[in-house]
Every structure is written in structure tokens, then in C-alpha cells.
Amino acid sequence: MNVPDPAIAASADSPSEDASPLAERIAAAGLDWIVPRWPAPSRVRAFVTTRNGGVSAGPCASLDLGTVPPSDAARDELRAVAENRRRVQAFLPSAPAWLAQVHGADVAVVASQRAASPPRADAAVTREAGVVLAVRVADCMPVLFADSAGEVVGIAHAGWRGLAAGVLENTVAAMRCAPEGIVAWLGPAIGPSAFEVGADVRDAFVNPDPRATAAFVAGRPGKWHADLEALARMRLARAGVASIHGGGMCTASDPQRFFSFRRDRATGRMAAFAWLA
């Protein structure tokens, strides 16, 4: 897949509509990556890649940022992922702090001195400038966090399992600041029209909180369409976060821009990044 013409990037979160220097650099490179439009402090930096701008071929075309470690990838794709990460690195102040994601609710506190291997976690926070937090996604929702003072940032990989287990609430708690002073941004994720789930998923949310019923619409017998974004908003609000932005981008319904595991099964991974300048 080739890098798109900048004029194609026309969503509400398009970098071409954001005047920040980071967004300008991304747009100038002809990329449709997403720079959040949210009321975060000026020293907070963040962006989410799309599937465009890389060298991967086949179902992973083109900017596949891979798994960590990418043990199941073919040798040629490993080389492509390495080149794709090198291209993304041009927009980052340091190497990303990748996580060994397991669809759980653990949060890693990341410092400039890192462990030899990625921490087993699905969220991370940092108070150190220049430390780049990262999560990989391909239907699960990347959620970004910043406090109003610009002293701490967070990031979470929020699929249904992580949401149900409390990954967003745990990230808010790990930031160690007043929840009402936190701003959150919801990145691209599978939308409700494409996200059909069984009773086990619905029960995981509705049993502990009957209000979550509103995020499920009955489909085929024994199946529901789940609204991942609505569930994330409910969870954040319950944790005390009132300033919630982003959303509205469905990975499964936009194959030109996003990877989607539910849609394609064999596919690449996008990534979200956040750091303090």
C-alpha cells in the first residue's frame, strides 16, 4: 500500500486540521497518521499511526509495526517491521517503551532506565520527559491520558477483556493525580456495527454494572453488537475522568486506513505513542 495523498486525510482527527508542529511534520511527510485534537498541555505529544507509510507487503501492507517479540513473523516481514519502526522513530524523541501486551489490566511505570525485556502490561505511565509510551492495536482501542499540569502521561491498550478487567481505571490510578484533572483521548477501534460478541462479553460488563446494557444491541440469537467506545467512556467517567475526547473511528470499516484483526485475521499492527516534551 502506497503512502496516500495528504488531501485524502479528511477525518475530524486528520493531522492536516491540527496546527501543532508534530501534526505539521506528519502532514508534510504525506502521512495520514492521527494527531489527537484534545485539550492536553502543550508539552504533551502523541500520535497514532495508520496502516500507511511503510514497506510491508501482503495482508500486513504497509506500515506493520509488528508484535513484541515478533516470533511468529516470516523473515521478510521482520525486516519490513524493522524498517517501518525506523520510519516512525523519525517522529519520536527516543525509542518507544514497547509492552508485552496480554489483554490484561496491569500498568507499567516507565522510566528512562528500562528493563531488559518489555514489561508484561497493557498500559503504561511516565513522569519523565522524552520517555515514549507505546501500545500496538488492530481493533482494540488505544487510549491516551494526560494531566492538566503536564506532569504525567499515560497510554492503554483497551480491548474488551482489558476494559472489563479495569485497565483504564488502573491507568488513572497509576497516574497519581486527581481524576478530574485528567484528559483522555480515544483512538481508532472496531465500531459497534462490526463488533459482534457473545453473552460472555456482555455479561462481563453488565453483571457488575447494569448501566453497561446501553452499550449492547441485540443481533442474531445469542449475539450482541458491542460499543467499545461507549464502554470506555463509561469506565472513564466512573473513574472520575470527565474530559474525554476522540472516538468515532472504526478500524473494521476502513480497510484503506486501518488494520483490523476482526476483519482480516492475518494483518499488521498500528501503534499509538505518547510522551512529555
Protein backbone atom coordinates (compact mmCIF):
# COMPACT_ATOMS: atom_id res chain seq x y z
CA MET A 1 0.00 0.00 0.00
CA ASN A 2 1.38 3.37 -1.01
CA VAL A 3 1.52 6.49 1.11
CA PRO A 4 -1.74 8.39 0.47
CA ASP A 5 -2.08 11.83 -0.95
CA PRO A 6 -2.33 14.27 2.01
CA ALA A 7 -5.60 15.55 0.59
CA ILE A 8 -7.20 12.18 1.32
CA ALA A 9 -6.77 12.58 5.09
CA ALA A 10 -10.04 14.31 5.89
CA SER A 11 -11.39 12.97 9.18
CA ALA A 12 -12.04 15.13 12.24
CA ASP A 13 -8.73 13.94 13.67
CA SER A 14 -6.77 14.42 10.47
CA PRO A 15 -3.27 15.85 11.02
CA SER A 16 -3.98 18.38 8.29
CA GLU A 17 -6.55 20.02 10.56
CA ASP A 18 -4.19 20.33 13.54
CA ALA A 19 -1.78 23.25 13.65
CA SER A 20 0.72 21.66 16.06
CA PRO A 21 4.32 21.27 14.86
CA LEU A 22 4.09 17.49 15.16
CA ALA A 23 0.94 17.39 13.06
CA GLU A 24 2.57 19.68 10.50
CA ARG A 25 5.59 17.38 10.24
CA ILE A 26 3.39 14.33 9.75
CA ALA A 27 1.24 16.05 7.13
CA ALA A 28 4.34 17.39 5.34
CA ALA A 29 5.58 13.79 5.04
CA GLY A 30 2.36 12.90 3.20
CA LEU A 31 1.11 10.67 6.01
CA ASP A 32 -2.45 10.26 7.30
CA TRP A 33 -1.39 9.40 10.84
CA ILE A 34 -3.62 10.81 13.57
CA VAL A 35 -2.55 13.58 15.94
CA PRO A 36 -5.15 13.94 18.72
CA ARG A 37 -7.13 17.13 18.96
CA TRP A 38 -7.62 17.32 22.72
CA PRO A 39 -7.04 19.94 25.44
CA ALA A 40 -3.81 18.38 26.70
CA PRO A 41 -0.98 20.64 27.95
CA SER A 42 1.40 21.90 25.27
CA ARG A 43 4.30 19.68 26.37
CA VAL A 44 2.24 16.52 25.76
CA ARG A 45 2.95 14.88 22.40
CA ALA A 46 1.04 12.00 20.87
CA PHE A 47 0.06 10.36 17.61
CA VAL A 48 -1.42 7.14 16.25
CA THR A 49 -0.16 5.51 13.08
CA THR A 50 -2.43 4.17 10.37
CA ARG A 51 -1.56 1.30 8.04
CA ASN A 52 0.02 3.76 5.59
CA GLY A 53 3.62 4.84 5.15
CA GLY A 54 5.61 1.61 5.39
CA VAL A 55 7.17 -1.18 3.34
CA SER A 56 5.32 -4.33 4.46
CA ALA A 57 3.57 -6.37 1.76
CA GLY A 58 0.54 -8.61 1.54
CA PRO A 59 -2.06 -8.55 4.33
CA CYS A 60 0.32 -6.51 6.51
CA ALA A 61 0.79 -3.75 3.94
CA SER A 62 2.20 -1.28 4.55
CA LEU A 63 3.18 0.14 8.00
CA ASP A 64 3.03 -3.01 10.12
CA LEU A 65 4.71 -2.23 13.44
CA GLY A 66 4.59 -5.86 14.48
CA THR A 67 4.43 -7.74 17.72
CA VAL A 68 6.98 -7.75 20.53
CA PRO A 69 8.75 -10.08 20.15
CA PRO A 70 7.66 -10.79 16.52
CA SER A 71 8.43 -14.50 16.84
CA ASP A 72 5.60 -15.62 14.56
CA ALA A 73 6.55 -13.40 11.62
CA ALA A 74 8.33 -14.50 8.48
CA ARG A 75 11.89 -13.30 7.98
CA ASP A 76 10.96 -10.84 5.22
CA GLU A 77 8.24 -9.32 7.39
CA LEU A 78 10.67 -8.98 10.29
CA ARG A 79 12.88 -6.88 8.04
CA ALA A 80 9.88 -4.83 6.94
CA VAL A 81 8.76 -4.23 10.53
CA ALA A 82 12.27 -3.07 11.43
CA GLU A 83 12.21 -0.58 8.54
CA ASN A 84 8.69 0.56 9.47
CA ARG A 85 9.78 1.20 13.06
CA ARG A 86 12.79 3.13 11.80
CA ARG A 87 10.46 5.39 9.81
CA VAL A 88 8.24 6.02 12.83
CA GLN A 89 11.31 6.70 15.00
CA ALA A 90 11.96 9.85 12.95
CA PHE A 91 8.96 11.43 14.71
CA LEU A 92 9.91 10.32 18.24
CA PRO A 93 12.45 11.70 20.74
CA SER A 94 13.60 8.25 21.90
CA ALA A 95 13.00 4.55 21.28
CA PRO A 96 9.46 3.57 22.31
CA ALA A 97 8.88 1.63 25.53
CA TRP A 98 7.01 -1.29 23.99
CA LEU A 99 4.88 -3.54 26.17
CA ALA A 100 4.34 -7.30 26.12
CA GLN A 101 0.57 -6.95 25.76
CA VAL A 102 -1.68 -9.72 27.08
CA HIS A 103 -5.17 -8.13 27.04
CA GLY A 104 -4.95 -7.59 30.77
CA ALA A 105 -5.17 -4.67 33.19
CA ASP A 106 -1.62 -4.25 34.52
CA VAL A 107 0.07 -0.86 34.22
CA ALA A 108 3.82 -0.35 33.86
CA VAL A 109 5.52 2.74 35.30
CA VAL A 110 8.17 3.55 32.71
CA ALA A 111 11.41 5.41 33.44
CA SER A 112 14.39 6.26 31.27
CA GLN A 113 16.24 3.25 32.71
CA ARG A 114 14.39 0.23 31.33
CA ALA A 115 14.32 -3.48 31.98
CA ALA A 116 15.98 -5.84 29.54
CA SER A 117 12.63 -7.06 28.21
CA PRO A 118 9.28 -5.29 27.69
CA PRO A 119 7.07 -5.36 30.80
CA ARG A 120 4.04 -7.63 30.72
CA ALA A 121 1.33 -4.99 30.79
CA ASP A 122 -1.37 -3.36 28.68
CA ALA A 123 -0.92 0.20 29.90
CA ALA A 124 1.89 2.49 30.96
CA VAL A 125 2.50 5.86 32.59
CA THR A 126 5.55 8.10 32.90
CA ARG A 127 6.56 11.38 34.51
CA GLU A 128 9.90 11.58 32.73
CA ALA A 129 10.37 13.85 29.72
CA GLY A 130 11.37 12.13 26.50
CA VAL A 131 10.17 8.66 27.54
CA VAL A 132 7.88 7.43 24.76
CA LEU A 133 4.97 5.20 25.80
CA ALA A 134 3.58 2.87 23.13
CA VAL A 135 0.81 0.33 22.56
CA ARG A 136 0.05 -1.74 19.45
CA VAL A 137 -3.51 -2.08 18.16
CA ALA A 138 -5.60 -3.59 15.37
CA ASP A 139 -9.23 -3.26 16.64
CA CYS A 140 -8.57 -2.75 20.35
CA MET A 141 -8.74 0.90 21.38
CA PRO A 142 -5.66 2.97 22.18
CA VAL A 143 -6.49 5.40 24.98
CA LEU A 144 -4.21 8.34 25.77
CA PHE A 145 -4.08 10.23 29.08
CA ALA A 146 -2.54 13.47 30.31
CA ASP A 147 -2.93 15.51 33.47
CA SER A 148 -3.81 19.19 33.31
CA ALA A 149 -0.42 20.21 34.74
CA GLY A 150 1.51 18.39 32.03
CA GLU A 151 3.43 16.31 34.57
CA VAL A 152 2.32 12.78 33.66
CA VAL A 153 1.07 10.93 30.60
CA GLY A 154 -0.47 7.50 30.22
CA ILE A 155 -1.45 5.09 27.49
CA ALA A 156 -3.64 1.98 27.44
CA HIS A 157 -4.44 -0.91 25.10
CA ALA A 158 -8.16 -1.36 25.68
CA GLY A 159 -9.86 -4.35 24.14
CA TRP A 160 -12.96 -5.79 25.73
CA ARG A 161 -11.00 -8.02 28.11
CA GLY A 162 -8.82 -5.17 29.32
CA LEU A 163 -11.80 -2.85 29.67
CA ALA A 164 -13.72 -5.41 31.69
CA ALA A 165 -10.68 -6.05 33.89
CA GLY A 166 -10.22 -2.35 34.65
CA VAL A 167 -7.24 -1.31 32.53
CA LEU A 168 -8.50 2.27 32.19
CA GLU A 169 -9.25 2.67 35.89
CA ASN A 170 -5.84 1.21 36.74
CA THR A 171 -4.13 3.67 34.40
CA VAL A 172 -5.93 6.60 36.04
CA ALA A 173 -4.86 5.33 39.48
CA ALA A 174 -1.24 4.85 38.34
CA MET A 175 -1.04 8.48 37.20
CA ARG A 176 -1.34 9.51 40.88
CA CYS A 177 -3.23 12.73 40.27
CA ALA A 178 -6.82 13.89 40.68
CA PRO A 179 -9.03 12.15 38.06
CA GLU A 180 -10.93 15.37 37.44
CA GLY A 181 -7.67 16.90 36.20
CA ILE A 182 -7.07 14.15 33.62
CA VAL A 183 -7.91 14.46 29.94
CA ALA A 184 -8.38 11.29 27.87
CA TRP A 185 -8.47 10.64 24.14
CA LEU A 186 -9.97 7.58 22.44
CA GLY A 187 -8.24 6.34 19.29
CA PRO A 188 -9.49 4.20 16.40
CA ALA A 189 -11.09 0.89 17.33
CA ILE A 190 -13.62 -1.58 16.00
CA GLY A 191 -17.07 0.02 15.83
CA PRO A 192 -20.34 -1.46 17.10
CA SER A 193 -21.64 -2.39 13.64
CA ALA A 194 -18.65 -4.74 13.18
CA PHE A 195 -18.11 -5.92 16.76
CA GLU A 196 -20.42 -8.86 17.29
CA VAL A 197 -19.91 -10.62 20.63
CA GLY A 198 -21.42 -13.43 22.66
CA ALA A 199 -23.14 -13.50 26.02
CA ASP A 200 -19.82 -13.91 27.84
CA VAL A 201 -18.65 -10.48 26.73
CA ARG A 202 -21.94 -8.80 27.54
CA ASP A 203 -22.09 -10.47 30.96
CA ALA A 204 -18.53 -9.33 31.78
CA PHE A 205 -19.76 -5.72 31.67
CA VAL A 206 -23.45 -5.89 32.53
CA ASN A 207 -23.23 -8.17 35.57
CA PRO A 208 -21.05 -5.77 37.61
CA ASP A 209 -22.72 -2.66 36.16
CA PRO A 210 -26.24 -2.91 34.69
CA ARG A 211 -25.81 0.54 33.13
CA ALA A 212 -23.48 -1.09 30.58
CA THR A 213 -26.59 -2.64 28.98
CA ALA A 214 -26.85 0.53 26.91
CA ALA A 215 -23.62 -0.38 25.10
CA PHE A 216 -25.03 -3.63 23.68
CA VAL A 217 -27.59 -4.04 20.90
CA ALA A 218 -29.16 -7.45 20.27
CA GLY A 219 -28.25 -9.08 16.95
CA ARG A 220 -28.53 -12.72 15.94
CA PRO A 221 -29.79 -15.12 18.61
CA GLY A 222 -27.28 -15.15 21.45
CA LYS A 223 -25.23 -12.34 19.88
CA TRP A 224 -24.89 -8.61 20.55
CA HIS A 225 -23.17 -5.69 18.90
CA ALA A 226 -20.86 -4.13 21.47
CA ASP A 227 -19.94 -0.43 21.51
CA LEU A 228 -16.32 -0.44 22.70
CA GLU A 229 -16.16 3.36 22.70
CA ALA A 230 -19.29 3.71 24.84
CA LEU A 231 -17.90 1.16 27.31
CA ALA A 232 -14.60 3.07 27.51
CA ARG A 233 -16.43 6.34 28.16
CA MET A 234 -18.49 4.71 30.91
CA ARG A 235 -15.41 3.27 32.56
CA LEU A 236 -13.52 6.56 32.41
CA ALA A 237 -16.47 8.52 33.79
CA ARG A 238 -16.81 6.01 36.61
CA ALA A 239 -13.10 6.56 37.39
CA GLY A 240 -13.73 10.31 37.68
CA VAL A 241 -12.44 11.41 34.25
CA ALA A 242 -14.84 13.92 32.71
CA SER A 243 -12.74 15.34 29.85
CA ILE A 244 -12.97 12.60 27.21
CA HIS A 245 -12.24 13.25 23.54
CA GLY A 246 -11.66 11.44 20.23
CA GLY A 247 -13.55 8.36 19.12
CA GLY A 248 -15.68 7.86 16.05
CA MET A 249 -13.06 5.97 14.01
CA CYS A 250 -13.90 2.36 13.12
CA THR A 251 -10.94 0.18 12.19
CA ALA A 252 -13.02 -2.62 10.67
CA SER A 253 -14.97 -0.40 8.27
CA ASP A 254 -11.97 1.47 6.82
CA PRO A 255 -9.55 -1.03 5.22
CA GLN A 256 -7.67 1.68 3.35
CA ARG A 257 -6.60 3.38 6.57
CA PHE A 258 -6.63 0.82 9.38
CA PHE A 259 -5.55 -2.72 10.17
CA SER A 260 -8.35 -4.84 11.66
CA PHE A 261 -7.87 -8.28 13.19
CA ARG A 262 -11.62 -8.98 13.28
CA ARG A 263 -11.96 -8.07 9.60
CA ASP A 264 -8.82 -9.75 8.18
CA ARG A 265 -7.38 -12.07 10.87
CA ALA A 266 -3.95 -12.06 9.18
CA THR A 267 -3.00 -8.41 9.46
CA GLY A 268 -0.47 -5.90 10.74
CA ARG A 269 -0.46 -3.70 13.82
CA MET A 270 -0.72 0.06 14.19
CA ALA A 271 0.64 1.86 17.25
CA ALA A 272 -0.14 4.81 19.48
CA PHE A 273 2.59 6.89 21.11
CA ALA A 274 2.58 9.49 23.91
CA TRP A 275 5.35 11.39 25.70
CA LEU A 276 6.25 14.57 27.55
CA ALA A 277 8.44 17.05 25.64
